Amino acid sequence: MLFKLVLLASTGALLQTGCVYHERVVYREPGPAPAAGEVVVAEAPPAAVVEQVTVSPGVGFVWIPGVWVWQGRWVWERGHWDRPPRPGARWVPHRYVYRGGVHIFIRGGWR
């Protein structure tokens, strides 16, 4: 009987720990909050998806490569052509850094 109770308890514990997976934003404590446009995440992004760069739709378009973005989980945002919002604007890609023992997603954009 004792063996059955131990087996039942260990099986229940195994099921509870093995079946639930949560991805979440993790902020370091204590310390300052991440800078604007930075999100501290629990894990590195997956490997980049290899995309085919298509032919530009016209003069003045800029290719914006695909990227993994953090939206409570890693989501692939496909590459696309876009026009700068104003003369002289340049695209700064999103990027990831590993700093202070955590992965940080830094949002890019038009600058």
Protein backbone atom coordinates (compact mmCIF):
# COMPACT_ATOMS: atom_id res chain seq x y z
CA MET A 1 0.00 0.00 0.00
CA LEU A 2 2.81 2.40 0.86
CA PHE A 3 4.40 1.70 -2.54
CA LYS A 4 1.12 2.64 -4.30
CA LEU A 5 0.89 5.93 -2.37
CA VAL A 6 4.49 6.85 -3.20
CA LEU A 7 3.96 5.91 -6.85
CA LEU A 8 0.72 7.92 -7.03
CA ALA A 9 2.30 10.97 -5.36
CA SER A 10 5.39 10.93 -7.58
CA THR A 11 3.32 10.43 -10.75
CA GLY A 12 1.10 13.38 -9.81
CA ALA A 13 4.11 15.59 -9.16
CA LEU A 14 5.68 14.55 -12.46
CA LEU A 15 2.49 15.34 -14.38
CA GLN A 16 2.18 18.73 -12.73
CA THR A 17 5.74 19.77 -13.57
CA GLY A 18 5.93 18.20 -17.02
CA CYS A 19 2.73 19.46 -18.63
CA VAL A 20 2.73 23.18 -18.04
CA TYR A 21 4.98 25.54 -19.97
CA HIS A 22 4.85 29.27 -19.45
CA GLU A 23 6.77 31.89 -21.40
CA ARG A 24 6.84 35.19 -19.61
CA VAL A 25 8.60 38.51 -19.45
CA VAL A 26 11.13 38.45 -16.63
CA TYR A 27 12.34 41.68 -15.09
CA ARG A 28 15.45 41.71 -12.94
CA GLU A 29 14.96 42.51 -9.27
CA PRO A 30 16.40 44.61 -7.77
CA GLY A 31 17.66 47.08 -10.28
CA PRO A 32 16.42 49.59 -12.77
CA ALA A 33 13.70 48.75 -15.26
CA PRO A 34 14.84 48.11 -18.83
CA ALA A 35 15.36 51.16 -21.03
CA ALA A 36 12.52 52.22 -23.31
CA GLY A 37 12.22 49.81 -26.19
CA GLU A 38 13.95 47.01 -24.25
CA VAL A 39 12.24 43.88 -22.93
CA VAL A 40 14.02 41.40 -20.68
CA VAL A 41 12.92 37.88 -21.59
CA ALA A 42 13.39 34.44 -20.11
CA GLU A 43 15.04 32.87 -23.13
CA ALA A 44 17.01 33.56 -26.28
CA PRO A 45 15.05 33.81 -29.53
CA PRO A 46 14.84 30.77 -31.80
CA ALA A 47 17.12 30.55 -34.83
CA ALA A 48 16.27 33.06 -37.54
CA VAL A 49 13.98 31.91 -40.33
CA VAL A 50 15.70 32.02 -43.72
CA GLU A 51 13.61 34.22 -46.00
CA GLN A 52 13.80 34.95 -49.70
CA VAL A 53 14.21 38.66 -50.36
CA THR A 54 11.70 39.50 -53.08
CA VAL A 55 12.08 42.08 -55.83
CA SER A 56 11.59 45.65 -54.64
CA PRO A 57 8.11 46.97 -55.44
CA GLY A 58 9.59 50.30 -56.52
CA VAL A 59 12.10 53.09 -56.09
CA GLY A 60 12.69 54.23 -52.51
CA PHE A 61 11.61 51.00 -50.80
CA VAL A 62 13.80 49.43 -48.09
CA TRP A 63 13.89 45.71 -47.26
CA ILE A 64 13.15 45.15 -43.56
CA PRO A 65 14.36 41.64 -42.63
CA GLY A 66 12.20 39.22 -40.69
CA VAL A 67 12.81 39.00 -36.96
CA TRP A 68 11.66 37.19 -33.84
CA VAL A 69 9.76 39.73 -31.71
CA TRP A 70 8.68 39.24 -28.11
CA GLN A 71 4.90 39.37 -27.61
CA GLY A 72 4.66 37.38 -24.41
CA ARG A 73 6.32 34.64 -26.48
CA TRP A 74 8.61 34.68 -29.52
CA VAL A 75 6.64 35.41 -32.71
CA TRP A 76 8.22 35.52 -36.19
CA GLU A 77 7.54 38.79 -38.00
CA ARG A 78 8.15 38.24 -41.72
CA GLY A 79 10.46 40.47 -43.72
CA HIS A 80 8.84 43.02 -46.00
CA TRP A 81 9.45 46.07 -48.15
CA ASP A 82 8.53 49.47 -46.73
CA ARG A 83 9.12 53.13 -47.49
CA PRO A 84 10.84 55.40 -44.99
CA PRO A 85 8.30 57.60 -43.18
CA ARG A 86 10.30 60.76 -43.93
CA PRO A 87 13.31 61.82 -45.99
CA GLY A 88 16.60 60.74 -44.45
CA ALA A 89 15.05 58.10 -42.17
CA ARG A 90 16.94 54.85 -41.88
CA TRP A 91 15.82 51.43 -40.62
CA VAL A 92 17.54 50.22 -37.43
CA PRO A 93 16.94 46.46 -37.04
CA HIS A 94 15.55 44.87 -33.90
CA ARG A 95 18.31 43.10 -32.02
CA TYR A 96 19.00 40.85 -29.08
CA VAL A 97 21.72 41.08 -26.47
CA TYR A 98 22.70 38.91 -23.54
CA ARG A 99 23.52 41.22 -20.64
CA GLY A 100 23.63 40.67 -16.91
CA GLY A 101 22.59 37.04 -17.24
CA VAL A 102 19.36 37.79 -19.13
CA HIS A 103 18.27 37.99 -22.77
CA ILE A 104 17.14 41.44 -23.88
CA PHE A 105 15.06 42.16 -26.97
CA ILE A 106 15.73 45.71 -28.21
CA ARG A 107 13.08 47.06 -30.54
CA GLY A 108 14.34 48.67 -33.72
CA GLY A 109 12.48 50.99 -36.06
CA TRP A 110 12.80 54.02 -38.28
CA ARG A 111 15.26 56.61 -36.94
